Amino acid sequence: MKPYINDYMVDVYGTAVGIINPKGAYKVVIEAHADEISWFVNYITEEGYIYVRRNGGSDHQIAPSMRVNLPHR
């Protein structure tokens, strides 16, 4: 979107905001957000404990309250 805007910003959640005419009395704001919520397995102990790493926009503070289904082959 850079060729079509004058300024932009990205917040900590990954929301991209493009601004047209940022110093004018009237502005146009183009906003977009997409979550890539995932966790990947980083390590499995011999006892079967699974250690994961966060990838994307999921909130680590709510993770302990979430149920996870792990398919096995």
C-alpha atoms as a PDB file:
ATOM      1  CA  MET A   1       0.000   0.000   0.000  1.00  0.00           C
ATOM      2  CA  LYS A   2       3.058   2.294   0.223  1.00  0.00           C
ATOM      3  CA  PRO A   3       2.640   3.778  -3.286  1.00  0.00           C
ATOM      4  CA  TYR A   4      -0.858   5.005  -2.340  1.00  0.00           C
ATOM      5  CA  ILE A   5      -0.275   6.531   1.113  1.00  0.00           C
ATOM      6  CA  ASN A   6       1.742   9.345   2.682  1.00  0.00           C
ATOM      7  CA  ASP A   7       2.490   7.733   6.050  1.00  0.00           C
ATOM      8  CA  TYR A   8       1.972   4.434   7.829  1.00  0.00           C
ATOM      9  CA  MET A   9       2.293   2.745  11.210  1.00  0.00           C
ATOM     10  CA  VAL A  10       2.172  -0.800  12.567  1.00  0.00           C
ATOM     11  CA  ASP A  11       1.113  -1.433  16.168  1.00  0.00           C
ATOM     12  CA  VAL A  12       2.300  -4.177  18.533  1.00  0.00           C
ATOM     13  CA  TYR A  13      -0.596  -6.438  17.490  1.00  0.00           C
ATOM     14  CA  GLY A  14       0.372  -6.326  13.813  1.00  0.00           C
ATOM     15  CA  THR A  15      -2.307  -3.898  12.671  1.00  0.00           C
ATOM     16  CA  ALA A  16      -1.087  -1.962   9.633  1.00  0.00           C
ATOM     17  CA  VAL A  17      -2.460   1.565   9.170  1.00  0.00           C
ATOM     18  CA  GLY A  18      -1.910   3.615   6.009  1.00  0.00           C
ATOM     19  CA  ILE A  19      -2.620   7.358   6.200  1.00  0.00           C
ATOM     20  CA  ILE A  20      -3.385   9.692   3.300  1.00  0.00           C
ATOM     21  CA  ASN A  21      -3.031  13.432   3.959  1.00  0.00           C
ATOM     22  CA  PRO A  22      -1.718  13.028   7.562  1.00  0.00           C
ATOM     23  CA  LYS A  23      -1.343  16.759   8.331  1.00  0.00           C
ATOM     24  CA  GLY A  24      -4.584  17.855   6.677  1.00  0.00           C
ATOM     25  CA  ALA A  25      -7.920  18.676   8.299  1.00  0.00           C
ATOM     26  CA  TYR A  26      -9.357  15.555   6.670  1.00  0.00           C
ATOM     27  CA  LYS A  27      -7.456  12.293   6.604  1.00  0.00           C
ATOM     28  CA  VAL A  28      -8.086   8.927   4.999  1.00  0.00           C
ATOM     29  CA  VAL A  29      -7.021   5.915   7.025  1.00  0.00           C
ATOM     30  CA  ILE A  30      -6.708   2.428   5.547  1.00  0.00           C
ATOM     31  CA  GLU A  31      -6.506  -0.196   8.285  1.00  0.00           C
ATOM     32  CA  ALA A  32      -5.852  -3.929   8.014  1.00  0.00           C
ATOM     33  CA  HIS A  33      -5.233  -6.691  10.511  1.00  0.00           C
ATOM     34  CA  ALA A  34      -4.710 -10.410  10.118  1.00  0.00           C
ATOM     35  CA  ASP A  35      -3.863 -12.868  12.853  1.00  0.00           C
ATOM     36  CA  GLU A  36      -1.478 -15.695  12.444  1.00  0.00           C
ATOM     37  CA  ILE A  37      -2.223 -17.518  15.652  1.00  0.00           C
ATOM     38  CA  SER A  38      -0.124 -20.590  16.132  1.00  0.00           C
ATOM     39  CA  TRP A  39       2.186 -22.403  18.468  1.00  0.00           C
ATOM     40  CA  PHE A  40       4.825 -24.887  17.410  1.00  0.00           C
ATOM     41  CA  VAL A  41       6.340 -27.791  19.316  1.00  0.00           C
ATOM     42  CA  ASN A  42       9.850 -26.882  20.395  1.00  0.00           C
ATOM     43  CA  TYR A  43      10.733 -29.906  22.542  1.00  0.00           C
ATOM     44  CA  ILE A  44       9.209 -33.117  23.914  1.00  0.00           C
ATOM     45  CA  THR A  45      10.655 -34.640  27.093  1.00  0.00           C
ATOM     46  CA  GLU A  46      11.080 -38.377  27.650  1.00  0.00           C
ATOM     47  CA  GLU A  47       8.131 -38.155  30.077  1.00  0.00           C
ATOM     48  CA  GLY A  48       5.925 -36.789  27.283  1.00  0.00           C
ATOM     49  CA  TYR A  49       5.785 -33.129  28.312  1.00  0.00           C
ATOM     50  CA  ILE A  50       5.488 -30.890  25.280  1.00  0.00           C
ATOM     51  CA  TYR A  51       7.160 -27.491  25.199  1.00  0.00           C
ATOM     52  CA  VAL A  52       5.831 -25.009  22.662  1.00  0.00           C
ATOM     53  CA  ARG A  53       6.803 -21.596  21.331  1.00  0.00           C
ATOM     54  CA  ARG A  54       4.366 -18.894  20.375  1.00  0.00           C
ATOM     55  CA  ASN A  55       4.168 -17.767  16.760  1.00  0.00           C
ATOM     56  CA  GLY A  56       1.926 -14.890  15.775  1.00  0.00           C
ATOM     57  CA  GLY A  57      -0.703 -12.838  17.520  1.00  0.00           C
ATOM     58  CA  SER A  58      -1.911 -15.116  20.298  1.00  0.00           C
ATOM     59  CA  ASP A  59      -1.857 -13.777  23.846  1.00  0.00           C
ATOM     60  CA  HIS A  60       0.479 -15.810  26.061  1.00  0.00           C
ATOM     61  CA  GLN A  61      -1.496 -14.876  29.191  1.00  0.00           C
ATOM     62  CA  ILE A  62      -4.604 -16.803  28.105  1.00  0.00           C
ATOM     63  CA  ALA A  63      -2.699 -19.840  26.840  1.00  0.00           C
ATOM     64  CA  PRO A  64      -2.927 -21.808  30.141  1.00  0.00           C
ATOM     65  CA  SER A  65      -6.723 -21.705  29.894  1.00  0.00           C
ATOM     66  CA  MET A  66      -6.864 -23.095  26.365  1.00  0.00           C
ATOM     67  CA  ARG A  67      -7.485 -26.751  25.449  1.00  0.00           C
ATOM     68  CA  VAL A  68      -5.156 -28.210  22.851  1.00  0.00           C
ATOM     69  CA  ASN A  69      -5.886 -31.267  20.706  1.00  0.00           C
ATOM     70  CA  LEU A  70      -2.799 -33.080  19.490  1.00  0.00           C
ATOM     71  CA  PRO A  71      -3.468 -35.629  16.775  1.00  0.00           C
ATOM     72  CA  HIS A  72      -1.247 -38.689  16.787  1.00  0.00           C
ATOM     73  CA  ARG A  73      -0.305 -40.961  13.941  1.00  0.00           C
END
